[in-house]
C-alpha cells in the first residue's frame, strides 16, 4: 500500500469503524425524539438542539467526507512525493481523527437516546488523547501543503519545517495532557485552561517557526 494508492487490506479496520456509524444512524433516527441535543456547554449541559434527521445522519456523512478528503489530499498536493516518507504517520493521524469523530457521534447519539453520558468528561479527554497522538507523530511529517504546521517560514525552509515540527510535537503532547487533565477542574478553570493552551500552542509554534527559519538563514 502507498499513501497515493491505499488498499482495502490496510483500510478495512478503519472502514469497519466508519460503517458502524452508518449502520447505527437509522436506529438512532427511529429512536430519537423529534428534537435532539447536538451541542453542550462546558458544564456538560445541552445548549443547542437539532432535528432528529440532522442528528442521526449528518455526522456519518461528515465522517465519510473527511475520510475521502484524507485519501485525496496527497494526490492534490504539489509535494505529493513527500507523503511516502511519512505514510505511517499520516495513516495514524487520519485514523485517529476519524475514530475521534465516530466516538463523538456515539457520545452525542447516546445522549440523544436519553443516556446520561458525561460529555464534559469524555470530549475533553478525547481531544487531549487526539492531541497526544498527533503530537507523537508530528515530527515525522515531511514538508507538504496540507498536513502539519504550515507557516510562511516552514514552507520556505526544510530545516525550519523539521525543527518546528520537533518543537510542535512536544507542545502538542503537553497540550493534550493539560486538556485531558482539565476535566478535574471547575468549569471556569477548564475554559481558561483550554483557551490558554490553544493560544500558546498556536502562537508558540508560529513564533518558533520564524525563529527556526532565522537560525537557518543565519547559518548559511
N, C-alpha and C. Protein backbone atom coordinates (compact mmCIF):
# COMPACT_ATOMS: atom_id res chain seq x y z
N UNK A 1 0.83 -1.21 0.00
CA UNK A 1 0.00 0.00 0.00
C UNK A 1 0.87 1.25 0.00
N UNK A 2 0.43 2.28 -0.70
CA UNK A 2 1.05 3.59 -0.65
C UNK A 2 0.00 4.61 -0.24
N UNK A 3 0.47 5.80 0.17
CA UNK A 3 -0.47 6.85 0.53
C UNK A 3 -1.33 7.25 -0.66
N UNK A 4 -0.73 7.27 -1.84
CA UNK A 4 -1.46 7.68 -3.04
C UNK A 4 -2.39 6.59 -3.55
N UNK A 5 -2.12 5.33 -3.18
CA UNK A 5 -2.96 4.22 -3.61
C UNK A 5 -3.25 3.29 -2.43
N UNK A 6 -4.13 3.72 -1.50
CA UNK A 6 -4.44 2.89 -0.34
C UNK A 6 -5.15 1.61 -0.75
N UNK A 7 -4.91 0.54 0.00
CA UNK A 7 -5.51 -0.76 -0.32
C UNK A 7 -6.58 -1.12 0.70
N UNK A 8 -7.56 -1.89 0.27
CA UNK A 8 -8.62 -2.34 1.16
C UNK A 8 -8.06 -3.18 2.29
N UNK A 9 -7.01 -3.94 2.03
CA UNK A 9 -6.39 -4.78 3.05
C UNK A 9 -5.96 -3.97 4.26
N UNK A 10 -5.46 -2.77 4.03
CA UNK A 10 -5.00 -1.92 5.12
C UNK A 10 -6.08 -0.97 5.62
N UNK A 11 -7.06 -0.69 4.79
CA UNK A 11 -8.08 0.29 5.15
C UNK A 11 -9.27 -0.32 5.88
N UNK A 12 -9.46 -1.64 5.81
CA UNK A 12 -10.71 -2.22 6.29
C UNK A 12 -10.98 -2.00 7.78
N UNK A 13 -9.97 -2.00 8.69
CA UNK A 13 -10.33 -1.74 10.09
C UNK A 13 -10.98 -0.37 10.29
N UNK A 14 -10.42 0.65 9.64
CA UNK A 14 -11.00 1.99 9.76
C UNK A 14 -12.35 2.06 9.07
N UNK A 15 -12.47 1.44 7.91
CA UNK A 15 -13.75 1.42 7.20
C UNK A 15 -14.82 0.71 8.01
N UNK A 16 -14.44 -0.35 8.73
CA UNK A 16 -15.41 -1.08 9.56
C UNK A 16 -15.94 -0.19 10.68
N UNK A 17 -15.05 0.59 11.30
CA UNK A 17 -15.47 1.51 12.36
C UNK A 17 -16.42 2.55 11.80
N UNK A 18 -16.11 3.06 10.63
CA UNK A 18 -16.98 4.05 10.00
C UNK A 18 -18.33 3.46 9.61
N UNK A 19 -18.33 2.21 9.17
CA UNK A 19 -19.58 1.55 8.80
C UNK A 19 -20.50 1.35 10.00
N UNK A 20 -19.91 1.17 11.18
CA UNK A 20 -20.72 1.04 12.39
C UNK A 20 -21.58 2.28 12.58
N UNK A 21 -20.99 3.46 12.32
CA UNK A 21 -21.76 4.70 12.43
C UNK A 21 -22.88 4.75 11.40
N UNK A 22 -22.60 4.28 10.19
CA UNK A 22 -23.62 4.27 9.12
C UNK A 22 -24.77 3.34 9.48
N UNK A 23 -24.43 2.15 9.98
CA UNK A 23 -25.45 1.17 10.36
C UNK A 23 -26.28 1.67 11.54
N UNK A 24 -25.62 2.38 12.47
CA UNK A 24 -26.32 2.86 13.66
C UNK A 24 -27.24 4.03 13.36
N UNK A 25 -26.95 4.79 12.31
CA UNK A 25 -27.70 6.01 12.03
C UNK A 25 -29.21 5.79 11.89
N UNK A 26 -29.68 4.80 11.11
CA UNK A 26 -31.13 4.58 11.02
C UNK A 26 -31.75 4.20 12.37
N UNK A 27 -31.01 3.42 13.17
CA UNK A 27 -31.52 3.06 14.50
C UNK A 27 -31.71 4.32 15.35
N UNK A 28 -30.69 5.17 15.34
CA UNK A 28 -30.79 6.41 16.12
C UNK A 28 -31.96 7.25 15.62
N UNK A 29 -32.12 7.33 14.31
CA UNK A 29 -33.20 8.13 13.75
C UNK A 29 -34.57 7.64 14.21
N UNK A 30 -34.74 6.33 14.23
CA UNK A 30 -36.03 5.75 14.63
C UNK A 30 -36.32 5.92 16.12
N UNK A 31 -35.27 6.04 16.93
CA UNK A 31 -35.47 6.08 18.38
C UNK A 31 -35.22 7.45 19.00
N UNK A 32 -34.71 8.38 18.22
CA UNK A 32 -34.54 9.74 18.73
C UNK A 32 -35.90 10.41 18.92
N UNK A 33 -36.02 11.33 19.89
CA UNK A 33 -37.18 12.23 19.90
C UNK A 33 -37.06 13.19 18.72
N UNK A 34 -38.09 13.96 18.48
CA UNK A 34 -38.08 14.85 17.32
C UNK A 34 -36.99 15.92 17.39
N UNK A 35 -36.67 16.34 18.61
CA UNK A 35 -35.61 17.33 18.82
C UNK A 35 -34.54 16.70 19.69
N UNK A 36 -33.28 16.81 19.25
CA UNK A 36 -32.18 16.10 19.91
C UNK A 36 -31.07 17.10 20.27
N UNK A 37 -30.49 17.00 21.48
CA UNK A 37 -29.35 17.88 21.81
C UNK A 37 -28.15 17.55 20.92
N UNK A 38 -27.55 18.59 20.35
CA UNK A 38 -26.38 18.39 19.48
C UNK A 38 -25.21 19.28 19.86
N UNK A 39 -25.38 20.06 20.90
CA UNK A 39 -24.27 20.89 21.38
C UNK A 39 -24.37 21.01 22.89
N UNK A 40 -23.22 20.99 23.55
CA UNK A 40 -23.18 21.03 25.01
C UNK A 40 -22.23 22.12 25.47
N UNK A 41 -22.56 22.73 26.62
CA UNK A 41 -21.68 23.72 27.22
C UNK A 41 -20.56 23.06 28.00
N UNK A 42 -19.68 23.88 28.55
CA UNK A 42 -18.56 23.35 29.32
C UNK A 42 -19.02 22.60 30.57
N UNK A 43 -20.23 22.91 31.03
CA UNK A 43 -20.76 22.23 32.22
C UNK A 43 -21.42 20.89 31.88
N UNK A 44 -21.38 20.50 30.62
CA UNK A 44 -21.96 19.22 30.23
C UNK A 44 -23.44 19.26 29.96
N UNK A 45 -24.05 20.44 30.05
CA UNK A 45 -25.48 20.58 29.81
C UNK A 45 -25.73 21.00 28.36
N UNK A 46 -26.75 20.41 27.71
CA UNK A 46 -27.03 20.77 26.32
C UNK A 46 -27.46 22.23 26.19
N UNK A 47 -26.94 22.90 25.17
CA UNK A 47 -27.34 24.29 24.91
C UNK A 47 -27.64 24.52 23.43
N UNK A 48 -27.77 23.42 22.68
CA UNK A 48 -28.13 23.52 21.27
C UNK A 48 -28.83 22.24 20.84
N UNK A 49 -29.87 22.37 20.00
CA UNK A 49 -30.67 21.21 19.59
C UNK A 49 -30.86 21.22 18.07
N UNK A 50 -31.12 20.03 17.54
CA UNK A 50 -31.39 19.89 16.10
C UNK A 50 -32.49 18.85 15.90
N UNK A 51 -33.03 18.81 14.70
CA UNK A 51 -33.99 17.78 14.35
C UNK A 51 -33.32 16.41 14.33
N UNK A 52 -34.12 15.36 14.52
CA UNK A 52 -33.53 14.02 14.65
C UNK A 52 -32.87 13.54 13.35
N UNK A 53 -33.35 14.01 12.20
CA UNK A 53 -32.72 13.63 10.94
C UNK A 53 -31.30 14.14 10.85
N UNK A 54 -31.12 15.40 11.18
CA UNK A 54 -29.78 16.00 11.18
C UNK A 54 -28.89 15.31 12.19
N UNK A 55 -29.41 15.08 13.40
CA UNK A 55 -28.62 14.46 14.46
C UNK A 55 -28.18 13.05 14.10
N UNK A 56 -29.03 12.32 13.40
CA UNK A 56 -28.73 10.93 13.08
C UNK A 56 -27.79 10.78 11.89
N UNK A 57 -27.95 11.62 10.87
CA UNK A 57 -27.26 11.36 9.60
C UNK A 57 -26.13 12.33 9.25
N UNK A 58 -26.12 13.52 9.84
CA UNK A 58 -25.11 14.49 9.43
C UNK A 58 -23.69 14.02 9.74
N UNK A 59 -23.46 13.53 10.96
CA UNK A 59 -22.10 13.16 11.34
C UNK A 59 -21.57 11.97 10.55
N UNK A 60 -22.36 10.91 10.32
CA UNK A 60 -21.84 9.84 9.46
C UNK A 60 -21.45 10.33 8.07
N UNK A 61 -22.25 11.24 7.50
CA UNK A 61 -21.91 11.81 6.19
C UNK A 61 -20.61 12.61 6.29
N UNK A 62 -20.48 13.41 7.35
CA UNK A 62 -19.27 14.20 7.55
C UNK A 62 -18.04 13.31 7.73
N UNK A 63 -18.20 12.22 8.47
CA UNK A 63 -17.09 11.29 8.71
C UNK A 63 -16.59 10.71 7.39
N UNK A 64 -17.51 10.27 6.54
CA UNK A 64 -17.11 9.70 5.26
C UNK A 64 -16.51 10.76 4.34
N UNK A 65 -17.03 11.98 4.41
CA UNK A 65 -16.47 13.07 3.61
C UNK A 65 -15.03 13.36 4.05
N UNK A 66 -14.80 13.34 5.36
CA UNK A 66 -13.45 13.55 5.88
C UNK A 66 -12.52 12.43 5.44
N UNK A 67 -13.02 11.20 5.46
CA UNK A 67 -12.20 10.06 5.05
C UNK A 67 -11.72 10.23 3.61
N UNK A 68 -12.64 10.53 2.71
CA UNK A 68 -12.27 10.68 1.30
C UNK A 68 -11.39 11.91 1.08
N UNK A 69 -11.60 12.93 1.89
CA UNK A 69 -10.72 14.10 1.80
C UNK A 69 -9.28 13.72 2.15
N UNK A 70 -9.13 12.94 3.23
CA UNK A 70 -7.79 12.48 3.62
C UNK A 70 -7.17 11.57 2.55
N UNK A 71 -8.00 10.81 1.85
CA UNK A 71 -7.49 9.93 0.79
C UNK A 71 -6.98 10.74 -0.40
N UNK A 72 -7.71 11.82 -0.73
CA UNK A 72 -7.38 12.57 -1.95
C UNK A 72 -6.41 13.73 -1.72
N UNK A 73 -6.24 14.16 -0.47
CA UNK A 73 -5.32 15.27 -0.20
C UNK A 73 -3.93 15.04 -0.78
N UNK A 74 -3.31 13.87 -0.55
CA UNK A 74 -1.96 13.67 -1.10
C UNK A 74 -1.90 13.79 -2.62
N UNK A 75 -2.96 13.40 -3.29
CA UNK A 75 -2.97 13.45 -4.76
C UNK A 75 -3.04 14.88 -5.28
N UNK A 76 -3.56 15.79 -4.45
CA UNK A 76 -3.70 17.19 -4.85
C UNK A 76 -2.50 18.03 -4.48
N UNK A 77 -1.65 17.51 -3.61
CA UNK A 77 -0.53 18.28 -3.07
C UNK A 77 0.61 18.37 -4.09
N UNK A 78 1.10 19.59 -4.38
CA UNK A 78 2.26 19.73 -5.27
C UNK A 78 3.49 18.97 -4.76
N UNK A 79 3.53 18.71 -3.45
CA UNK A 79 4.65 17.97 -2.87
C UNK A 79 4.23 16.54 -2.52
N UNK A 80 3.39 15.95 -3.35
CA UNK A 80 2.83 14.64 -3.04
C UNK A 80 3.88 13.55 -2.92
N UNK A 81 5.04 13.75 -3.54
CA UNK A 81 6.10 12.73 -3.43
C UNK A 81 6.60 12.59 -2.00
N UNK A 82 6.39 13.62 -1.17
CA UNK A 82 6.86 13.57 0.22
C UNK A 82 6.03 12.63 1.09
N UNK A 83 4.78 12.37 0.71
CA UNK A 83 3.87 11.61 1.57
C UNK A 83 4.36 10.19 1.82
N UNK A 84 5.04 9.60 0.86
CA UNK A 84 5.54 8.24 1.06
C UNK A 84 6.59 8.19 2.16
N UNK A 85 7.20 9.33 2.47
CA UNK A 85 8.23 9.38 3.50
C UNK A 85 7.63 9.41 4.91
N UNK A 86 6.34 9.72 5.01
CA UNK A 86 5.69 9.70 6.33
C UNK A 86 4.32 9.02 6.23
N UNK A 87 4.25 7.97 5.43
CA UNK A 87 2.97 7.30 5.18
C UNK A 87 2.36 6.73 6.46
N UNK A 88 3.18 6.14 7.32
CA UNK A 88 2.65 5.55 8.56
C UNK A 88 2.10 6.65 9.48
N UNK A 89 2.85 7.73 9.64
CA UNK A 89 2.39 8.84 10.48
C UNK A 89 1.10 9.43 9.93
N UNK A 90 1.03 9.61 8.63
CA UNK A 90 -0.17 10.17 8.00
C UNK A 90 -1.36 9.25 8.23
N UNK A 91 -1.15 7.95 8.06
CA UNK A 91 -2.23 6.99 8.26
C UNK A 91 -2.75 6.98 9.69
N UNK A 92 -1.83 7.05 10.65
CA UNK A 92 -2.25 7.03 12.06
C UNK A 92 -2.98 8.31 12.43
N UNK A 93 -2.49 9.45 11.97
CA UNK A 93 -3.14 10.72 12.30
C UNK A 93 -4.55 10.79 11.71
N UNK A 94 -4.70 10.43 10.45
CA UNK A 94 -6.04 10.49 9.84
C UNK A 94 -6.97 9.47 10.49
N UNK A 95 -6.46 8.29 10.86
CA UNK A 95 -7.29 7.30 11.53
C UNK A 95 -7.73 7.80 12.90
N UNK A 96 -6.81 8.45 13.62
CA UNK A 96 -7.15 8.98 14.95
C UNK A 96 -8.24 10.03 14.85
N UNK A 97 -8.16 10.90 13.85
CA UNK A 97 -9.17 11.94 13.68
C UNK A 97 -10.53 11.33 13.34
N UNK A 98 -10.55 10.36 12.44
CA UNK A 98 -11.81 9.70 12.06
C UNK A 98 -12.42 8.96 13.24
N UNK A 99 -11.61 8.21 13.98
CA UNK A 99 -12.11 7.46 15.14
C UNK A 99 -12.63 8.42 16.20
N UNK A 100 -11.96 9.54 16.40
CA UNK A 100 -12.43 10.56 17.34
C UNK A 100 -13.81 11.06 16.92
N UNK A 101 -14.00 11.32 15.63
CA UNK A 101 -15.29 11.79 15.14
C UNK A 101 -16.38 10.75 15.34
N UNK A 102 -16.06 9.48 15.11
CA UNK A 102 -17.03 8.40 15.34
C UNK A 102 -17.40 8.34 16.82
N UNK A 103 -16.41 8.48 17.69
CA UNK A 103 -16.66 8.45 19.14
C UNK A 103 -17.58 9.60 19.55
N UNK A 104 -17.32 10.80 19.03
CA UNK A 104 -18.16 11.96 19.34
C UNK A 104 -19.59 11.71 18.87
N UNK A 105 -19.74 11.10 17.71
CA UNK A 105 -21.07 10.80 17.17
C UNK A 105 -21.84 9.89 18.12
N UNK A 106 -21.19 8.86 18.64
CA UNK A 106 -21.89 7.92 19.53
C UNK A 106 -22.14 8.53 20.90
N UNK A 107 -21.23 9.35 21.39
CA UNK A 107 -21.46 10.03 22.66
C UNK A 107 -22.69 10.93 22.55
N UNK A 108 -22.75 11.72 21.48
CA UNK A 108 -23.89 12.61 21.28
C UNK A 108 -25.18 11.82 21.07
N UNK A 109 -25.10 10.74 20.31
CA UNK A 109 -26.30 9.95 20.00
C UNK A 109 -26.84 9.24 21.23
N UNK A 110 -25.97 8.72 22.06
CA UNK A 110 -26.43 8.06 23.29
C UNK A 110 -27.12 9.06 24.20
N UNK A 111 -26.61 10.28 24.25
CA UNK A 111 -27.30 11.33 25.00
C UNK A 111 -28.66 11.62 24.37
N UNK A 112 -28.71 11.59 23.04
CA UNK A 112 -29.98 11.81 22.35
C UNK A 112 -31.02 10.75 22.67
N UNK A 113 -30.54 9.54 22.98
CA UNK A 113 -31.46 8.45 23.35
C UNK A 113 -31.87 8.52 24.82
N UNK A 114 -31.27 9.44 25.57
CA UNK A 114 -31.64 9.61 26.96
C UNK A 114 -30.63 9.09 27.96
N UNK A 115 -29.54 8.51 27.47
CA UNK A 115 -28.49 8.04 28.38
C UNK A 115 -27.67 9.23 28.87
N UNK A 116 -27.27 9.17 30.13
CA UNK A 116 -26.51 10.27 30.72
C UNK A 116 -25.02 10.02 30.53
N UNK A 117 -24.52 10.31 29.34
CA UNK A 117 -23.09 10.16 29.05
C UNK A 117 -22.43 11.51 29.30
N UNK A 118 -21.47 11.59 30.23
CA UNK A 118 -20.87 12.89 30.61
C UNK A 118 -20.01 13.49 29.50
N UNK A 119 -20.63 14.32 28.69
CA UNK A 119 -19.93 14.96 27.57
C UNK A 119 -18.77 15.81 28.06
N UNK A 120 -18.96 16.47 29.21
CA UNK A 120 -17.92 17.36 29.72
C UNK A 120 -16.67 16.62 30.18
N UNK A 121 -16.74 15.30 30.28
CA UNK A 121 -15.56 14.50 30.63
C UNK A 121 -14.99 13.82 29.39
N UNK A 122 -15.85 13.11 28.66
CA UNK A 122 -15.37 12.31 27.53
C UNK A 122 -14.81 13.15 26.39
N UNK A 123 -15.42 14.29 26.11
CA UNK A 123 -14.95 15.10 24.97
C UNK A 123 -13.58 15.72 25.24
N UNK A 124 -13.36 16.39 26.40
CA UNK A 124 -12.01 16.92 26.65
C UNK A 124 -10.95 15.83 26.71
N UNK A 125 -11.28 14.69 27.31
CA UNK A 125 -10.31 13.59 27.35
C UNK A 125 -10.01 13.11 25.93
N UNK A 126 -11.05 13.01 25.10
CA UNK A 126 -10.86 12.60 23.71
C UNK A 126 -10.02 13.58 22.93
N UNK A 127 -10.28 14.87 23.13
CA UNK A 127 -9.48 15.90 22.46
C UNK A 127 -8.03 15.82 22.92
N UNK A 128 -7.84 15.63 24.23
CA UNK A 128 -6.49 15.50 24.76
C UNK A 128 -5.74 14.32 24.17
N UNK A 129 -6.40 13.17 24.10
CA UNK A 129 -5.77 11.98 23.51
C UNK A 129 -5.44 12.20 22.03
N UNK A 130 -6.35 12.88 21.33
CA UNK A 130 -6.11 13.17 19.91
C UNK A 130 -4.87 14.06 19.75
N UNK A 131 -4.74 15.07 20.60
CA UNK A 131 -3.57 15.94 20.56
C UNK A 131 -2.29 15.16 20.85
N UNK A 132 -2.36 14.24 21.80
CA UNK A 132 -1.18 13.44 22.15
C UNK A 132 -0.76 12.56 20.97
N UNK A 133 -1.74 11.93 20.33
CA UNK A 133 -1.43 11.07 19.17
C UNK A 133 -0.84 11.90 18.03
N UNK A 134 -1.46 13.04 17.75
CA UNK A 134 -0.94 13.90 16.68
C UNK A 134 0.48 14.36 17.02
N UNK A 135 0.67 14.77 18.27
CA UNK A 135 1.99 15.22 18.69
C UNK A 135 3.04 14.14 18.58
N UNK A 136 2.66 12.91 18.88
CA UNK A 136 3.61 11.80 18.84
C UNK A 136 4.15 11.56 17.43
N UNK A 137 3.35 11.89 16.42
CA UNK A 137 3.75 11.63 15.04
C UNK A 137 4.06 12.89 14.24
N UNK A 138 3.88 14.04 14.86
CA UNK A 138 4.05 15.30 14.14
C UNK A 138 5.47 15.49 13.61
N UNK A 139 6.45 15.07 14.39
CA UNK A 139 7.84 15.27 13.99
C UNK A 139 8.23 14.43 12.78
N UNK A 140 7.41 13.43 12.45
CA UNK A 140 7.71 12.55 11.31
C UNK A 140 7.14 13.07 9.99
N UNK A 141 6.33 14.12 10.06
CA UNK A 141 5.70 14.66 8.85
C UNK A 141 6.70 15.49 8.06
N UNK A 142 6.79 15.22 6.79
CA UNK A 142 7.68 15.97 5.91
C UNK A 142 6.93 17.15 5.27
N UNK A 143 7.70 18.06 4.72
CA UNK A 143 7.14 19.29 4.16
C UNK A 143 6.07 19.02 3.10
N UNK A 144 4.89 19.59 3.31
CA UNK A 144 3.79 19.46 2.36
C UNK A 144 2.84 20.63 2.54
N UNK A 145 1.81 20.70 1.71
CA UNK A 145 0.93 21.87 1.72
C UNK A 145 -0.34 21.69 2.56
N UNK A 146 -0.60 20.50 3.10
CA UNK A 146 -1.88 20.26 3.75
C UNK A 146 -1.79 19.81 5.21
N UNK A 147 -0.78 19.03 5.56
CA UNK A 147 -0.72 18.43 6.89
C UNK A 147 0.50 18.95 7.64
N UNK A 148 0.27 19.43 8.87
CA UNK A 148 1.40 19.88 9.67
C UNK A 148 1.31 21.36 10.01
N UNK A 149 2.41 21.90 10.52
CA UNK A 149 2.49 23.30 10.92
C UNK A 149 2.99 24.10 9.72
N UNK A 150 2.07 24.71 9.01
CA UNK A 150 2.41 25.40 7.77
C UNK A 150 2.38 26.91 8.00
N UNK A 151 3.55 27.49 8.02
CA UNK A 151 3.70 28.94 8.13
C UNK A 151 4.56 29.39 6.94
N UNK A 152 4.64 30.71 6.68
CA UNK A 152 5.49 31.15 5.57
C UNK A 152 6.94 30.67 5.71
N UNK A 153 7.37 30.44 6.96
CA UNK A 153 8.77 30.08 7.19
C UNK A 153 9.01 28.58 7.09
N UNK A 154 8.07 27.78 7.57
CA UNK A 154 8.26 26.32 7.43
C UNK A 154 8.11 25.90 5.97
N UNK A 155 7.30 26.64 5.21
CA UNK A 155 7.11 26.29 3.80
C UNK A 155 8.28 26.76 2.93
N UNK A 156 9.13 27.61 3.51
CA UNK A 156 10.26 28.15 2.75
C UNK A 156 11.59 27.51 3.11
N UNK A 157 11.61 26.71 4.17
CA UNK A 157 12.87 26.14 4.64
C UNK A 157 12.64 24.74 5.18
N UNK A 158 13.32 23.75 4.63
CA UNK A 158 13.21 22.38 5.12
C UNK A 158 13.70 22.27 6.57
N UNK A 159 14.74 23.02 6.89
CA UNK A 159 15.28 22.98 8.26
C UNK A 159 14.30 23.60 9.25
N UNK A 160 13.67 24.71 8.85
CA UNK A 160 12.66 25.33 9.72
C UNK A 160 11.47 24.39 9.91
N UNK A 161 11.08 23.69 8.84
CA UNK A 161 10.00 22.71 8.95
C UNK A 161 10.36 21.62 9.94
N UNK A 162 11.57 21.07 9.81
CA UNK A 162 12.00 19.96 10.67
C UNK A 162 12.04 20.39 12.13
N UNK A 163 12.67 21.53 12.41
CA UNK A 163 12.81 21.99 13.79
C UNK A 163 11.46 22.36 14.40
N UNK A 164 10.63 23.03 13.61
CA UNK A 164 9.31 23.45 14.11
C UNK A 164 8.45 22.24 14.45
N UNK A 165 8.52 21.20 13.66
CA UNK A 165 7.70 20.02 13.93
C UNK A 165 8.25 19.19 15.09
N UNK A 166 9.53 19.23 15.31
CA UNK A 166 10.08 18.59 16.52
C UNK A 166 9.61 19.35 17.76
N UNK A 167 9.63 20.68 17.69
CA UNK A 167 9.15 21.51 18.79
C UNK A 167 7.64 21.34 18.96
N UNK A 168 6.92 21.41 17.84
CA UNK A 168 5.47 21.28 17.89
C UNK A 168 5.01 19.95 18.41
N UNK A 169 5.78 18.90 18.15
CA UNK A 169 5.44 17.57 18.65
C UNK A 169 5.34 17.57 20.17
N UNK A 170 6.32 18.19 20.83
CA UNK A 170 6.31 18.26 22.29
C UNK A 170 5.18 19.14 22.80
N UNK A 171 4.95 20.25 22.11
CA UNK A 171 3.90 21.18 22.53
C UNK A 171 2.52 20.54 22.39
N UNK A 172 2.29 19.83 21.30
CA UNK A 172 1.01 19.15 21.09
C UNK A 172 0.76 18.11 22.19
N UNK A 173 1.77 17.31 22.50
CA UNK A 173 1.58 16.27 23.52
C UNK A 173 1.33 16.89 24.90
N UNK A 174 2.08 17.92 25.24
CA UNK A 174 1.86 18.60 26.52
C UNK A 174 0.47 19.23 26.55
N UNK A 175 0.06 19.84 25.46
CA UNK A 175 -1.28 20.44 25.38
C UNK A 175 -2.36 19.38 25.58
N UNK A 176 -2.17 18.22 24.96
CA UNK A 176 -3.13 17.13 25.12
C UNK A 176 -3.26 16.67 26.55
N UNK A 177 -2.14 16.56 27.24
CA UNK A 177 -2.17 16.15 28.65
C UNK A 177 -2.92 17.18 29.48
N UNK A 178 -2.64 18.45 29.26
CA UNK A 178 -3.29 19.52 30.04
C UNK A 178 -4.78 19.58 29.77
N UNK A 179 -5.18 19.42 28.51
CA UNK A 179 -6.61 19.45 28.17
C UNK A 179 -7.33 18.27 28.81
N UNK A 180 -6.72 17.08 28.76
CA UNK A 180 -7.35 15.90 29.37
C UNK A 180 -7.47 16.06 30.88
N UNK A 181 -6.42 16.58 31.52
CA UNK A 181 -6.43 16.74 32.97
C UNK A 181 -7.37 17.86 33.42
N UNK A 182 -7.69 18.78 32.52
CA UNK A 182 -8.55 19.91 32.89
C UNK A 182 -9.96 19.48 33.27
N UNK A 183 -10.32 18.23 32.96
CA UNK A 183 -11.65 17.74 33.33
C UNK A 183 -11.83 17.67 34.84
N UNK A 184 -10.72 17.69 35.58
CA UNK A 184 -10.79 17.66 37.05
C UNK A 184 -11.05 19.04 37.63
N UNK A 185 -10.98 20.07 36.80
CA UNK A 185 -11.13 21.44 37.27
C UNK A 185 -12.58 21.90 37.17
N UNK A 186 -12.86 23.04 37.79
CA UNK A 186 -14.19 23.63 37.68
C UNK A 186 -14.41 24.14 36.26
N UNK A 187 -15.65 24.45 35.94
CA UNK A 187 -15.99 24.87 34.58
C UNK A 187 -15.18 26.08 34.14
N UNK A 188 -15.10 27.11 35.00
CA UNK A 188 -14.38 28.33 34.64
C UNK A 188 -12.90 28.06 34.40
N UNK A 189 -12.30 27.25 35.27
CA UNK A 189 -10.89 26.92 35.11
C UNK A 189 -10.66 26.08 33.86
N UNK A 190 -11.58 25.19 33.58
CA UNK A 190 -11.45 24.34 32.40
C UNK A 190 -11.46 25.17 31.12
N UNK A 191 -12.37 26.13 31.06
CA UNK A 191 -12.43 27.03 29.90
C UNK A 191 -11.13 27.81 29.78
N UNK A 192 -10.65 28.33 30.92
CA UNK A 192 -9.42 29.10 30.92
C UNK A 192 -8.22 28.30 30.46
N UNK A 193 -8.13 27.06 30.95
CA UNK A 193 -7.01 26.19 30.57
C UNK A 193 -7.06 25.90 29.07
N UNK A 194 -8.24 25.59 28.56
CA UNK A 194 -8.37 25.25 27.14
C UNK A 194 -7.97 26.42 26.25
N UNK A 195 -8.50 27.61 26.55
CA UNK A 195 -8.20 28.78 25.73
C UNK A 195 -6.71 29.11 25.80
N UNK A 196 -6.15 29.05 27.01
CA UNK A 196 -4.73 29.36 27.19
C UNK A 196 -3.85 28.36 26.44
N UNK A 197 -4.17 27.08 26.56
CA UNK A 197 -3.37 26.03 25.91
C UNK A 197 -3.40 26.20 24.40
N UNK A 198 -4.58 26.42 23.83
CA UNK A 198 -4.70 26.57 22.38
C UNK A 198 -3.96 27.82 21.90
N UNK A 199 -4.10 28.92 22.66
CA UNK A 199 -3.42 30.16 22.28
C UNK A 199 -1.91 29.99 22.29
N UNK A 200 -1.39 29.35 23.35
CA UNK A 200 0.06 29.13 23.44
C UNK A 200 0.54 28.16 22.37
N UNK A 201 -0.29 27.16 22.06
CA UNK A 201 0.06 26.20 21.02
C UNK A 201 0.21 26.90 19.67
N UNK A 202 -0.77 27.72 19.32
CA UNK A 202 -0.76 28.41 18.03
C UNK A 202 0.37 29.44 17.97
N UNK A 203 0.42 30.31 18.99
CA UNK A 203 1.43 31.37 18.99
C UNK A 203 2.84 30.81 19.14
N UNK A 204 2.97 29.77 19.98
CA UNK A 204 4.28 29.19 20.21
C UNK A 204 4.87 28.56 18.97
N UNK A 205 4.09 27.74 18.28
CA UNK A 205 4.59 27.09 17.07
C UNK A 205 4.81 28.10 15.94
N UNK A 206 3.93 29.10 15.86
CA UNK A 206 4.08 30.14 14.84
C UNK A 206 5.37 30.92 15.06
N UNK A 207 5.57 31.35 16.31
CA UNK A 207 6.77 32.10 16.64
C UNK A 207 8.04 31.29 16.49
N UNK A 208 7.97 30.03 16.90
CA UNK A 208 9.16 29.18 16.80
C UNK A 208 9.53 28.92 15.34
N UNK A 209 8.55 28.84 14.47
CA UNK A 209 8.85 28.61 13.06
C UNK A 209 9.66 29.77 12.48
N UNK A 210 9.35 31.00 12.91
CA UNK A 210 10.13 32.15 12.45
C UNK A 210 11.54 32.10 13.02
N UNK A 211 11.64 31.73 14.30
CA UNK A 211 12.96 31.61 14.93
C UNK A 211 13.81 30.56 14.22
N UNK A 212 13.22 29.41 13.93
CA UNK A 212 13.95 28.34 13.25
C UNK A 212 14.38 28.77 11.85
N UNK A 213 13.50 29.50 11.18
CA UNK A 213 13.83 30.00 9.83
C UNK A 213 14.99 30.99 9.90
N UNK A 214 14.94 31.89 10.89
CA UNK A 214 16.01 32.88 11.04
C UNK A 214 17.34 32.21 11.33
N UNK A 215 17.32 31.20 12.20
CA UNK A 215 18.55 30.47 12.52
C UNK A 215 19.11 29.77 11.29
N UNK A 216 18.22 29.21 10.49
CA UNK A 216 18.66 28.51 9.28
C UNK A 216 19.31 29.48 8.30
N UNK A 217 18.72 30.66 8.14
CA UNK A 217 19.25 31.64 7.20
C UNK A 217 20.59 32.20 7.68
N UNK A 218 20.73 32.39 8.99
CA UNK A 218 21.97 32.95 9.53
C UNK A 218 23.12 31.96 9.45
N UNK A 219 22.78 30.66 9.41
CA UNK A 219 23.83 29.64 9.36
C UNK A 219 24.37 29.42 7.95
N UNK A 220 23.73 30.05 6.97
CA UNK A 220 24.14 29.85 5.57
C UNK A 220 24.98 31.03 5.07
